[in-house]
Amino acid sequence: MTDLFYDIPGNPRPDGGVCGFLTARDGKKFRYAHFPPTARPLNGTVVLLAGRNESIEKYFETIRDLAARGFGVATLDWRGQGASDRLLHDGARGYVRSFDDYERDLEQFFSEVVLPDCRGPYYLLAHSTGALVALLAAPSLVNRIRRMVLMAPFLALAKSPLSMQALGRFASFCCGAGLGRLYAPGGRDTRKAEPFDQNKLTSDQRRYERNSLLYETYPQLAVSGPTLAWIRAASNAIARAQEPDFMARLQIPMLLVAAGADAVVSSYAIEAYAARLRVGSMLTIRGARHELLQEADIYREQLLAAFDAFVPGSDAPVM
């Protein structure tokens, strides 16, 4: 199907895209899409995992960049955001019961879309919350994914006076009191974009305004702040990803990329995590803000150059 995309001026859908929905075991539907390469040699498929409050359309530019490098791209909207089913009556609230649900949706996506419909070998490119999900899923992806590039992975909040462990304990207490569906402290309905000069995500005004127009035109794609239940789920996921036994099971070569001026997630936590990895390395793009693929060209091109250097295509069949 091709009529499930949301187009706006200046952000056309990439050529040849196929879009559809999968129904998870709990009955929730989540949207997926895959796109063919537009250049040779054919280098396989990049599985692109977005962050919180992001949708497939936000990555149209990146999909075209990857297609021009000979990669197909497969991606999805996480449950509870984008065009996927919302999980609360108030669909604006960022909510998930557990990151296990994200992992199961990713597994189903691989089994029902990526493996049967997309050319191997497979690589993974993930941002923020999507990068955390990729880490959690990595042990089960060891025979599927060859390399992973994790951009600004969400391992801790930037400049937070509380650790994720402390935030998780507070959120768990509130959830136990039946308050899990409330916004976390400081959270609110933020579907209306803030002025560019107040944003923490990118220094590129054109890309920021393009993404803002997308959500202004299609507000049903946007999500507001996280709920207490989402914070609890994220804290539990981060704790699991940092367990020594879990980290010992990570075998897929991975590159962690931190944004040097990130005001959303902690670059220090990324550096500390990378230092503990046996199969990982780290790059910091100095001056860049959180959304590396939405950043100004001076930063974005460094990210793409790192991807080109780390993700080889020479072992892919040429047809």
C-alpha atoms as a PDB file:
ATOM      1  CA  MET A   1       0.000   0.000   0.000  1.00  0.00           C
ATOM      2  CA  THR A   2       1.228   3.532  -0.767  1.00  0.00           C
ATOM      3  CA  ASP A   3      -1.601   5.722   0.572  1.00  0.00           C
ATOM      4  CA  LEU A   4      -0.593   5.417   4.226  1.00  0.00           C
ATOM      5  CA  PHE A   5       2.132   8.045   4.070  1.00  0.00           C
ATOM      6  CA  TYR A   6       1.655  11.662   5.178  1.00  0.00           C
ATOM      7  CA  ASP A   7       3.159  14.107   2.694  1.00  0.00           C
ATOM      8  CA  ILE A   8       3.875  17.798   3.143  1.00  0.00           C
ATOM      9  CA  PRO A   9       5.545  20.307   0.789  1.00  0.00           C
ATOM     10  CA  GLY A  10       9.303  19.998   0.970  1.00  0.00           C
ATOM     11  CA  ASN A  11       9.201  16.474   2.384  1.00  0.00           C
ATOM     12  CA  PRO A  12       8.191  14.118  -0.433  1.00  0.00           C
ATOM     13  CA  ARG A  13       7.986  10.398   0.178  1.00  0.00           C
ATOM     14  CA  PRO A  14      10.932   8.445  -1.276  1.00  0.00           C
ATOM     15  CA  ASP A  15      10.259   6.548  -4.477  1.00  0.00           C
ATOM     16  CA  GLY A  16       8.970   3.001  -4.346  1.00  0.00           C
ATOM     17  CA  GLY A  17       7.897   2.962  -0.700  1.00  0.00           C
ATOM     18  CA  VAL A  18       5.537   0.271   0.579  1.00  0.00           C
ATOM     19  CA  CYS A  19       3.563   0.978   3.737  1.00  0.00           C
ATOM     20  CA  GLY A  20       1.262  -1.190   5.829  1.00  0.00           C
ATOM     21  CA  PHE A  21       0.237  -2.311   9.299  1.00  0.00           C
ATOM     22  CA  LEU A  22       1.058  -5.339  11.394  1.00  0.00           C
ATOM     23  CA  THR A  23      -1.169  -6.557  14.210  1.00  0.00           C
ATOM     24  CA  ALA A  24       0.733  -7.477  17.353  1.00  0.00           C
ATOM     25  CA  ARG A  25      -0.232 -10.380  19.603  1.00  0.00           C
ATOM     26  CA  ASP A  26      -2.106  -8.048  21.930  1.00  0.00           C
ATOM     27  CA  GLY A  27      -4.180  -6.680  19.040  1.00  0.00           C
ATOM     28  CA  LYS A  28      -2.370  -3.350  18.691  1.00  0.00           C
ATOM     29  CA  LYS A  29      -1.519  -2.296  15.144  1.00  0.00           C
ATOM     30  CA  PHE A  30       1.747  -0.654  14.246  1.00  0.00           C
ATOM     31  CA  ARG A  31       2.746   0.923  10.948  1.00  0.00           C
ATOM     32  CA  TYR A  32       5.762  -0.138   8.935  1.00  0.00           C
ATOM     33  CA  ALA A  33       7.326   0.850   5.632  1.00  0.00           C
ATOM     34  CA  HIS A  34      10.152  -0.290   3.402  1.00  0.00           C
ATOM     35  CA  PHE A  35      11.887   1.433   0.503  1.00  0.00           C
ATOM     36  CA  PRO A  36      14.133   0.124  -2.294  1.00  0.00           C
ATOM     37  CA  PRO A  37      17.681   1.299  -3.042  1.00  0.00           C
ATOM     38  CA  THR A  38      18.096   3.756  -5.897  1.00  0.00           C
ATOM     39  CA  ALA A  39      21.764   3.100  -6.718  1.00  0.00           C
ATOM     40  CA  ARG A  40      24.198   0.242  -7.195  1.00  0.00           C
ATOM     41  CA  PRO A  41      25.945  -1.735  -5.920  1.00  0.00           C
ATOM     42  CA  LEU A  42      23.132  -3.167  -3.825  1.00  0.00           C
ATOM     43  CA  ASN A  43      24.417  -3.168  -0.262  1.00  0.00           C
ATOM     44  CA  GLY A  44      21.561  -4.732   1.686  1.00  0.00           C
ATOM     45  CA  THR A  45      18.999  -3.147   3.999  1.00  0.00           C
ATOM     46  CA  VAL A  46      19.239  -0.634   6.833  1.00  0.00           C
ATOM     47  CA  VAL A  47      16.665  -1.136   9.572  1.00  0.00           C
ATOM     48  CA  LEU A  48      15.944   2.406  10.776  1.00  0.00           C
ATOM     49  CA  LEU A  49      14.572   2.801  14.314  1.00  0.00           C
ATOM     50  CA  ALA A  50      13.258   6.225  15.293  1.00  0.00           C
ATOM     51  CA  GLY A  51      13.150   7.837  18.706  1.00  0.00           C
ATOM     52  CA  ARG A  52      10.252   8.802  20.948  1.00  0.00           C
ATOM     53  CA  ASN A  53       7.672  11.058  19.284  1.00  0.00           C
ATOM     54  CA  GLU A  54       9.008  10.406  15.803  1.00  0.00           C
ATOM     55  CA  SER A  55       7.330   8.991  12.728  1.00  0.00           C
ATOM     56  CA  ILE A  56       8.383   7.433   9.445  1.00  0.00           C
ATOM     57  CA  GLU A  57       7.896  10.716   7.578  1.00  0.00           C
ATOM     58  CA  LYS A  58      10.478  12.499   9.711  1.00  0.00           C
ATOM     59  CA  TYR A  59      13.153  10.302   8.126  1.00  0.00           C
ATOM     60  CA  PHE A  60      12.209  10.649   4.448  1.00  0.00           C
ATOM     61  CA  GLU A  61      15.378  12.675   3.786  1.00  0.00           C
ATOM     62  CA  THR A  62      17.571  10.076   5.484  1.00  0.00           C
ATOM     63  CA  ILE A  63      15.833   7.246   3.624  1.00  0.00           C
ATOM     64  CA  ARG A  64      16.695   8.942   0.327  1.00  0.00           C
ATOM     65  CA  ASP A  65      20.311   9.363   1.472  1.00  0.00           C
ATOM     66  CA  LEU A  66      20.581   5.665   2.313  1.00  0.00           C
ATOM     67  CA  ALA A  67      18.833   4.597  -0.896  1.00  0.00           C
ATOM     68  CA  ALA A  68      21.381   6.611  -2.891  1.00  0.00           C
ATOM     69  CA  ARG A  69      24.095   4.588  -1.141  1.00  0.00           C
ATOM     70  CA  GLY A  70      22.600   1.337  -2.417  1.00  0.00           C
ATOM     71  CA  PHE A  71      20.679   0.438   0.734  1.00  0.00           C
ATOM     72  CA  GLY A  72      17.054  -0.476   1.063  1.00  0.00           C
ATOM     73  CA  VAL A  73      15.446   0.871   4.224  1.00  0.00           C
ATOM     74  CA  ALA A  74      12.907  -0.777   6.525  1.00  0.00           C
ATOM     75  CA  THR A  75      11.343   1.192   9.358  1.00  0.00           C
ATOM     76  CA  LEU A  76       8.319   1.359  11.662  1.00  0.00           C
ATOM     77  CA  ASP A  77       6.335   3.620  13.956  1.00  0.00           C
ATOM     78  CA  TRP A  78       6.613   2.392  17.540  1.00  0.00           C
ATOM     79  CA  ARG A  79       3.321   1.499  19.186  1.00  0.00           C
ATOM     80  CA  GLY A  80       1.784   4.548  20.827  1.00  0.00           C
ATOM     81  CA  GLN A  81       3.214   7.068  18.371  1.00  0.00           C
ATOM     82  CA  GLY A  82       3.222   8.086  14.730  1.00  0.00           C
ATOM     83  CA  ALA A  83       0.397   6.388  12.831  1.00  0.00           C
ATOM     84  CA  SER A  84       0.496   3.277  15.017  1.00  0.00           C
ATOM     85  CA  ASP A  85      -2.262   2.527  17.506  1.00  0.00           C
ATOM     86  CA  ARG A  86      -2.255   4.713  20.593  1.00  0.00           C
ATOM     87  CA  LEU A  87      -2.295   2.969  23.950  1.00  0.00           C
ATOM     88  CA  LEU A  88      -4.398   5.384  26.010  1.00  0.00           C
ATOM     89  CA  HIS A  89      -7.731   7.101  25.441  1.00  0.00           C
ATOM     90  CA  ASP A  90      -5.746  10.365  25.398  1.00  0.00           C
ATOM     91  CA  GLY A  91      -3.438   9.421  22.550  1.00  0.00           C
ATOM     92  CA  ALA A  92      -1.256  12.500  23.067  1.00  0.00           C
ATOM     93  CA  ARG A  93       0.307  11.024  26.203  1.00  0.00           C
ATOM     94  CA  GLY A  94       3.549   9.134  25.694  1.00  0.00           C
ATOM     95  CA  TYR A  95       2.867   5.696  27.145  1.00  0.00           C
ATOM     96  CA  VAL A  96       4.122   2.148  27.040  1.00  0.00           C
ATOM     97  CA  ARG A  97       3.626  -0.645  29.521  1.00  0.00           C
ATOM     98  CA  SER A  98       7.106  -2.067  29.086  1.00  0.00           C
ATOM     99  CA  PHE A  99       9.923  -1.813  26.558  1.00  0.00           C
ATOM    100  CA  ASP A 100       9.383  -5.555  26.135  1.00  0.00           C
ATOM    101  CA  ASP A 101       6.432  -4.540  23.946  1.00  0.00           C
ATOM    102  CA  TYR A 102       8.738  -2.527  21.675  1.00  0.00           C
ATOM    103  CA  GLU A 103      11.084  -5.508  21.464  1.00  0.00           C
ATOM    104  CA  ARG A 104       8.271  -7.878  20.531  1.00  0.00           C
ATOM    105  CA  ASP A 105       7.034  -5.482  17.844  1.00  0.00           C
ATOM    106  CA  LEU A 106      10.571  -5.265  16.446  1.00  0.00           C
ATOM    107  CA  GLU A 107      10.852  -9.052  16.397  1.00  0.00           C
ATOM    108  CA  GLN A 108       7.531  -9.338  14.547  1.00  0.00           C
ATOM    109  CA  PHE A 109       8.630  -6.640  12.117  1.00  0.00           C
ATOM    110  CA  PHE A 110      11.783  -8.617  11.346  1.00  0.00           C
ATOM    111  CA  SER A 111       9.946 -11.893  10.935  1.00  0.00           C
ATOM    112  CA  GLU A 112       7.043 -10.632   8.831  1.00  0.00           C
ATOM    113  CA  VAL A 113       8.555  -7.742   6.843  1.00  0.00           C
ATOM    114  CA  VAL A 114      12.341  -7.431   6.906  1.00  0.00           C
ATOM    115  CA  LEU A 115      13.374 -11.036   6.355  1.00  0.00           C
ATOM    116  CA  PRO A 116      10.807 -11.937   3.669  1.00  0.00           C
ATOM    117  CA  ASP A 117      10.641  -8.609   1.810  1.00  0.00           C
ATOM    118  CA  CYS A 118      14.032  -6.891   2.170  1.00  0.00           C
ATOM    119  CA  ARG A 119      17.406  -7.812   0.724  1.00  0.00           C
ATOM    120  CA  GLY A 120      20.225  -8.771   3.080  1.00  0.00           C
ATOM    121  CA  PRO A 121      22.682  -8.265   4.585  1.00  0.00           C
ATOM    122  CA  TYR A 122      21.011  -6.242   7.314  1.00  0.00           C
ATOM    123  CA  TYR A 123      22.341  -3.278   9.273  1.00  0.00           C
ATOM    124  CA  LEU A 124      20.706  -1.151  11.933  1.00  0.00           C
ATOM    125  CA  LEU A 125      20.605   2.623  12.398  1.00  0.00           C
ATOM    126  CA  ALA A 126      18.749   3.807  15.499  1.00  0.00           C
ATOM    127  CA  HIS A 127      18.154   7.054  17.368  1.00  0.00           C
ATOM    128  CA  SER A 128      17.662   7.778  21.089  1.00  0.00           C
ATOM    129  CA  THR A 129      14.807   5.607  22.411  1.00  0.00           C
ATOM    130  CA  GLY A 130      15.045   3.482  19.273  1.00  0.00           C
ATOM    131  CA  ALA A 131      18.741   2.950  20.049  1.00  0.00           C
ATOM    132  CA  LEU A 132      17.845   1.724  23.544  1.00  0.00           C
ATOM    133  CA  VAL A 133      15.356  -0.744  22.053  1.00  0.00           C
ATOM    134  CA  ALA A 134      18.065  -1.860  19.609  1.00  0.00           C
ATOM    135  CA  LEU A 135      20.445  -2.525  22.489  1.00  0.00           C
ATOM    136  CA  LEU A 136      17.832  -4.592  24.313  1.00  0.00           C
ATOM    137  CA  ALA A 137      17.083  -6.595  21.171  1.00  0.00           C
ATOM    138  CA  ALA A 138      20.732  -7.056  20.149  1.00  0.00           C
ATOM    139  CA  PRO A 139      21.216 -10.527  21.692  1.00  0.00           C
ATOM    140  CA  SER A 140      18.321 -11.879  19.628  1.00  0.00           C
ATOM    141  CA  LEU A 141      19.515 -10.094  16.476  1.00  0.00           C
ATOM    142  CA  VAL A 142      23.032 -11.548  16.495  1.00  0.00           C
ATOM    143  CA  ASN A 143      22.417 -13.802  13.475  1.00  0.00           C
ATOM    144  CA  ARG A 144      20.454 -11.152  11.585  1.00  0.00           C
ATOM    145  CA  ILE A 145      22.144  -7.763  11.990  1.00  0.00           C
ATOM    146  CA  ARG A 146      25.788  -7.348  10.952  1.00  0.00           C
ATOM    147  CA  ARG A 147      26.472  -3.908  12.413  1.00  0.00           C
ATOM    148  CA  MET A 148      24.612  -1.288  14.437  1.00  0.00           C
ATOM    149  CA  VAL A 149      24.972   2.502  14.545  1.00  0.00           C
ATOM    150  CA  LEU A 150      23.296   3.926  17.650  1.00  0.00           C
ATOM    151  CA  MET A 151      22.784   7.692  17.616  1.00  0.00           C
ATOM    152  CA  ALA A 152      22.416   9.506  20.950  1.00  0.00           C
ATOM    153  CA  PRO A 153      21.183   6.334  22.700  1.00  0.00           C
ATOM    154  CA  PHE A 154      18.895   7.060  25.648  1.00  0.00           C
ATOM    155  CA  LEU A 155      20.836   5.796  28.673  1.00  0.00           C
ATOM    156  CA  ALA A 156      20.271   8.774  30.994  1.00  0.00           C
ATOM    157  CA  LEU A 157      18.780  12.237  30.813  1.00  0.00           C
ATOM    158  CA  ALA A 158      21.088  15.194  30.275  1.00  0.00           C
ATOM    159  CA  LYS A 159      21.738  17.400  33.289  1.00  0.00           C
ATOM    160  CA  SER A 160      19.079  15.691  35.381  1.00  0.00           C
ATOM    161  CA  PRO A 161      19.476  16.123  39.163  1.00  0.00           C
ATOM    162  CA  LEU A 162      18.127  12.570  39.533  1.00  0.00           C
ATOM    163  CA  SER A 163      19.558   9.355  38.145  1.00  0.00           C
ATOM    164  CA  MET A 164      17.400   7.127  35.962  1.00  0.00           C
ATOM    165  CA  GLN A 165      17.302   4.680  38.862  1.00  0.00           C
ATOM    166  CA  ALA A 166      15.876   7.360  41.184  1.00  0.00           C
ATOM    167  CA  LEU A 167      13.420   8.516  38.522  1.00  0.00           C
ATOM    168  CA  GLY A 168      12.380   4.909  38.025  1.00  0.00           C
ATOM    169  CA  ARG A 169      11.735   4.397  41.738  1.00  0.00           C
ATOM    170  CA  PHE A 170       9.632   7.556  41.876  1.00  0.00           C
ATOM    171  CA  ALA A 171       7.686   6.559  38.750  1.00  0.00           C
ATOM    172  CA  SER A 172       7.139   3.025  40.075  1.00  0.00           C
ATOM    173  CA  PHE A 173       5.743   4.436  43.323  1.00  0.00           C
ATOM    174  CA  CYS A 174       3.359   6.652  41.378  1.00  0.00           C
ATOM    175  CA  CYS A 175       2.312   3.792  39.115  1.00  0.00           C
ATOM    176  CA  GLY A 176       1.622   1.674  42.186  1.00  0.00           C
ATOM    177  CA  ALA A 177      -0.677   4.452  43.369  1.00  0.00           C
ATOM    178  CA  GLY A 178      -2.598   4.335  40.089  1.00  0.00           C
ATOM    179  CA  LEU A 179      -1.001   7.472  38.631  1.00  0.00           C
ATOM    180  CA  GLY A 180       0.942   5.877  35.782  1.00  0.00           C
ATOM    181  CA  ARG A 181      -1.113   7.535  33.060  1.00  0.00           C
ATOM    182  CA  LEU A 182      -0.352  11.039  34.290  1.00  0.00           C
ATOM    183  CA  TYR A 183       2.380  13.095  32.668  1.00  0.00           C
ATOM    184  CA  ALA A 184       5.754  12.810  34.350  1.00  0.00           C
ATOM    185  CA  PRO A 185       6.802  15.975  36.233  1.00  0.00           C
ATOM    186  CA  GLY A 186       7.383  18.722  33.714  1.00  0.00           C
ATOM    187  CA  GLY A 187       5.427  16.841  31.082  1.00  0.00           C
ATOM    188  CA  ARG A 188       2.456  18.326  29.288  1.00  0.00           C
ATOM    189  CA  ASP A 189       0.690  18.475  25.946  1.00  0.00           C
ATOM    190  CA  THR A 190       3.540  19.608  23.722  1.00  0.00           C
ATOM    191  CA  ARG A 191       2.179  18.742  20.298  1.00  0.00           C
ATOM    192  CA  LYS A 192       2.499  22.381  19.243  1.00  0.00           C
ATOM    193  CA  ALA A 193       6.144  23.006  18.376  1.00  0.00           C
ATOM    194  CA  GLU A 194       8.073  25.562  20.384  1.00  0.00           C
ATOM    195  CA  PRO A 195       9.845  28.416  18.577  1.00  0.00           C
ATOM    196  CA  PHE A 196      13.019  27.361  16.809  1.00  0.00           C
ATOM    197  CA  ASP A 197      15.271  29.483  19.032  1.00  0.00           C
ATOM    198  CA  GLN A 198      13.958  27.631  22.104  1.00  0.00           C
ATOM    199  CA  ASN A 199      14.362  24.093  20.794  1.00  0.00           C
ATOM    200  CA  LYS A 200      16.958  21.623  22.113  1.00  0.00           C
ATOM    201  CA  LEU A 201      16.824  19.205  19.193  1.00  0.00           C
ATOM    202  CA  THR A 202      18.626  20.758  16.225  1.00  0.00           C
ATOM    203  CA  SER A 203      20.500  23.858  15.122  1.00  0.00           C
ATOM    204  CA  ASP A 204      19.076  23.544  11.595  1.00  0.00           C
ATOM    205  CA  GLN A 205      16.113  25.878  11.213  1.00  0.00           C
ATOM    206  CA  ARG A 206      14.978  24.500   7.855  1.00  0.00           C
ATOM    207  CA  ARG A 207      14.762  20.912   9.070  1.00  0.00           C
ATOM    208  CA  TYR A 208      13.187  21.981  12.348  1.00  0.00           C
ATOM    209  CA  GLU A 209      10.467  23.938  10.566  1.00  0.00           C
ATOM    210  CA  ARG A 210       9.899  21.061   8.131  1.00  0.00           C
ATOM    211  CA  ASN A 211       9.344  18.651  11.016  1.00  0.00           C
ATOM    212  CA  SER A 212       7.146  21.158  12.830  1.00  0.00           C
ATOM    213  CA  LEU A 213       5.011  21.572   9.709  1.00  0.00           C
ATOM    214  CA  LEU A 214       4.596  17.800   9.506  1.00  0.00           C
ATOM    215  CA  TYR A 215       3.051  17.643  12.978  1.00  0.00           C
ATOM    216  CA  GLU A 216       1.060  20.841  12.502  1.00  0.00           C
ATOM    217  CA  THR A 217      -0.429  19.411   9.304  1.00  0.00           C
ATOM    218  CA  TYR A 218      -1.009  15.951  10.776  1.00  0.00           C
ATOM    219  CA  PRO A 219      -1.337  16.379  14.556  1.00  0.00           C
ATOM    220  CA  GLN A 220      -2.439  12.748  14.832  1.00  0.00           C
ATOM    221  CA  LEU A 221       1.187  11.746  14.247  1.00  0.00           C
ATOM    222  CA  ALA A 222       2.512  13.697  17.246  1.00  0.00           C
ATOM    223  CA  VAL A 223       2.974  12.662  20.866  1.00  0.00           C
ATOM    224  CA  SER A 224       3.385  14.930  23.877  1.00  0.00           C
ATOM    225  CA  GLY A 225       5.430  14.386  27.021  1.00  0.00           C
ATOM    226  CA  PRO A 226       6.003  10.970  28.589  1.00  0.00           C
ATOM    227  CA  THR A 227       3.786   9.567  31.285  1.00  0.00           C
ATOM    228  CA  LEU A 228       5.018   8.207  34.586  1.00  0.00           C
ATOM    229  CA  ALA A 229       4.444   4.702  33.226  1.00  0.00           C
ATOM    230  CA  TRP A 230       6.714   5.462  30.251  1.00  0.00           C
ATOM    231  CA  ILE A 231       9.440   6.749  32.590  1.00  0.00           C
ATOM    232  CA  ARG A 232       9.172   3.579  34.690  1.00  0.00           C
ATOM    233  CA  ALA A 233       9.407   1.405  31.574  1.00  0.00           C
ATOM    234  CA  ALA A 234      12.410   3.371  30.270  1.00  0.00           C
ATOM    235  CA  SER A 235      14.194   3.193  33.625  1.00  0.00           C
ATOM    236  CA  ASN A 236      13.700  -0.576  33.778  1.00  0.00           C
ATOM    237  CA  ALA A 237      14.962  -0.924  30.207  1.00  0.00           C
ATOM    238  CA  ILE A 238      18.092   1.144  30.907  1.00  0.00           C
ATOM    239  CA  ALA A 239      18.817  -0.882  34.040  1.00  0.00           C
ATOM    240  CA  ARG A 240      18.578  -4.122  32.055  1.00  0.00           C
ATOM    241  CA  ALA A 241      20.808  -2.792  29.257  1.00  0.00           C
ATOM    242  CA  GLN A 242      23.501  -1.958  31.825  1.00  0.00           C
ATOM    243  CA  GLU A 243      23.574  -5.306  33.619  1.00  0.00           C
ATOM    244  CA  PRO A 244      27.016  -6.925  33.236  1.00  0.00           C
ATOM    245  CA  ASP A 245      25.509 -10.272  32.233  1.00  0.00           C
ATOM    246  CA  PHE A 246      23.423  -8.578  29.561  1.00  0.00           C
ATOM    247  CA  MET A 247      26.352  -6.582  28.193  1.00  0.00           C
ATOM    248  CA  ALA A 248      28.422  -9.756  27.994  1.00  0.00           C
ATOM    249  CA  ARG A 249      25.852 -11.119  25.534  1.00  0.00           C
ATOM    250  CA  LEU A 250      26.283  -8.242  23.091  1.00  0.00           C
ATOM    251  CA  GLN A 251      28.117  -9.593  20.048  1.00  0.00           C
ATOM    252  CA  ILE A 252      27.064  -7.322  17.160  1.00  0.00           C
ATOM    253  CA  PRO A 253      29.725  -4.702  16.338  1.00  0.00           C
ATOM    254  CA  MET A 254      28.268  -1.318  17.181  1.00  0.00           C
ATOM    255  CA  LEU A 255      29.161   2.334  16.893  1.00  0.00           C
ATOM    256  CA  LEU A 256      27.687   4.679  19.489  1.00  0.00           C
ATOM    257  CA  VAL A 257      27.476   8.292  18.312  1.00  0.00           C
ATOM    258  CA  ALA A 258      26.999  11.052  20.863  1.00  0.00           C
ATOM    259  CA  ALA A 259      25.942  14.616  20.107  1.00  0.00           C
ATOM    260  CA  GLY A 260      28.420  16.935  21.773  1.00  0.00           C
ATOM    261  CA  ALA A 261      25.798  19.586  22.637  1.00  0.00           C
ATOM    262  CA  ASP A 262      23.022  17.139  23.542  1.00  0.00           C
ATOM    263  CA  ALA A 263      20.582  18.672  26.036  1.00  0.00           C
ATOM    264  CA  VAL A 264      18.194  15.697  25.975  1.00  0.00           C
ATOM    265  CA  VAL A 265      20.220  12.572  26.760  1.00  0.00           C
ATOM    266  CA  SER A 266      23.496  12.300  28.621  1.00  0.00           C
ATOM    267  CA  SER A 267      26.589  12.051  26.421  1.00  0.00           C
ATOM    268  CA  TYR A 268      28.573  11.144  29.537  1.00  0.00           C
ATOM    269  CA  ALA A 269      26.367   8.078  30.061  1.00  0.00           C
ATOM    270  CA  ILE A 270      26.929   7.057  26.428  1.00  0.00           C
ATOM    271  CA  GLU A 271      30.692   7.395  26.836  1.00  0.00           C
ATOM    272  CA  ALA A 272      30.649   5.340  30.037  1.00  0.00           C
ATOM    273  CA  TYR A 273      28.568   2.642  28.380  1.00  0.00           C
ATOM    274  CA  ALA A 274      30.786   2.466  25.295  1.00  0.00           C
ATOM    275  CA  ALA A 275      33.844   2.043  27.519  1.00  0.00           C
ATOM    276  CA  ARG A 276      32.302  -1.133  28.951  1.00  0.00           C
ATOM    277  CA  LEU A 277      31.451  -2.683  25.583  1.00  0.00           C
ATOM    278  CA  ARG A 278      33.638  -5.416  24.117  1.00  0.00           C
ATOM    279  CA  VAL A 279      32.176  -4.957  20.634  1.00  0.00           C
ATOM    280  CA  GLY A 280      31.575  -1.216  20.550  1.00  0.00           C
ATOM    281  CA  SER A 281      33.281   2.066  19.820  1.00  0.00           C
ATOM    282  CA  MET A 282      32.206   5.664  20.242  1.00  0.00           C
ATOM    283  CA  LEU A 283      32.249   8.890  18.257  1.00  0.00           C
ATOM    284  CA  THR A 284      31.276  12.324  19.573  1.00  0.00           C
ATOM    285  CA  ILE A 285      30.163  14.928  17.040  1.00  0.00           C
ATOM    286  CA  ARG A 286      31.143  18.141  18.762  1.00  0.00           C
ATOM    287  CA  GLY A 287      28.596  20.945  18.697  1.00  0.00           C
ATOM    288  CA  ALA A 288      25.730  18.776  17.468  1.00  0.00           C
ATOM    289  CA  ARG A 289      22.381  18.669  19.221  1.00  0.00           C
ATOM    290  CA  HIS A 290      20.286  15.605  19.991  1.00  0.00           C
ATOM    291  CA  GLU A 291      18.657  14.841  16.632  1.00  0.00           C
ATOM    292  CA  LEU A 292      21.770  14.096  14.600  1.00  0.00           C
ATOM    293  CA  LEU A 293      19.947  13.190  11.386  1.00  0.00           C
ATOM    294  CA  GLN A 294      17.880  16.387  11.620  1.00  0.00           C
ATOM    295  CA  GLU A 295      20.926  18.545  12.295  1.00  0.00           C
ATOM    296  CA  ALA A 296      22.732  21.117  10.164  1.00  0.00           C
ATOM    297  CA  ASP A 297      24.794  19.660   7.328  1.00  0.00           C
ATOM    298  CA  ILE A 298      28.080  20.360   9.100  1.00  0.00           C
ATOM    299  CA  TYR A 299      27.055  17.837  11.787  1.00  0.00           C
ATOM    300  CA  ARG A 300      24.790  15.564   9.796  1.00  0.00           C
ATOM    301  CA  GLU A 301      27.461  14.880   7.187  1.00  0.00           C
ATOM    302  CA  GLN A 302      29.848  13.772   9.940  1.00  0.00           C
ATOM    303  CA  LEU A 303      27.263  11.249  11.069  1.00  0.00           C
ATOM    304  CA  LEU A 304      26.746   9.949   7.543  1.00  0.00           C
ATOM    305  CA  ALA A 305      30.513   9.740   6.991  1.00  0.00           C
ATOM    306  CA  ALA A 306      30.826   7.677  10.170  1.00  0.00           C
ATOM    307  CA  PHE A 307      28.029   5.428   8.936  1.00  0.00           C
ATOM    308  CA  ASP A 308      29.768   5.002   5.574  1.00  0.00           C
ATOM    309  CA  ALA A 309      33.026   4.063   7.281  1.00  0.00           C
ATOM    310  CA  PHE A 310      31.440   1.638   9.740  1.00  0.00           C
ATOM    311  CA  VAL A 311      28.797  -0.096   7.633  1.00  0.00           C
ATOM    312  CA  PRO A 312      30.569  -1.948   4.807  1.00  0.00           C
ATOM    313  CA  GLY A 313      28.705  -3.090   1.748  1.00  0.00           C
ATOM    314  CA  SER A 314      31.495  -4.981   0.044  1.00  0.00           C
ATOM    315  CA  ASP A 315      30.188  -8.339   1.269  1.00  0.00           C
ATOM    316  CA  ALA A 316      26.722  -7.790  -0.161  1.00  0.00           C
ATOM    317  CA  PRO A 317      25.787  -9.539  -3.404  1.00  0.00           C
ATOM    318  CA  VAL A 318      25.725  -7.267  -6.440  1.00  0.00           C
ATOM    319  CA  MET A 319      22.814  -7.880  -8.785  1.00  0.00           C
END
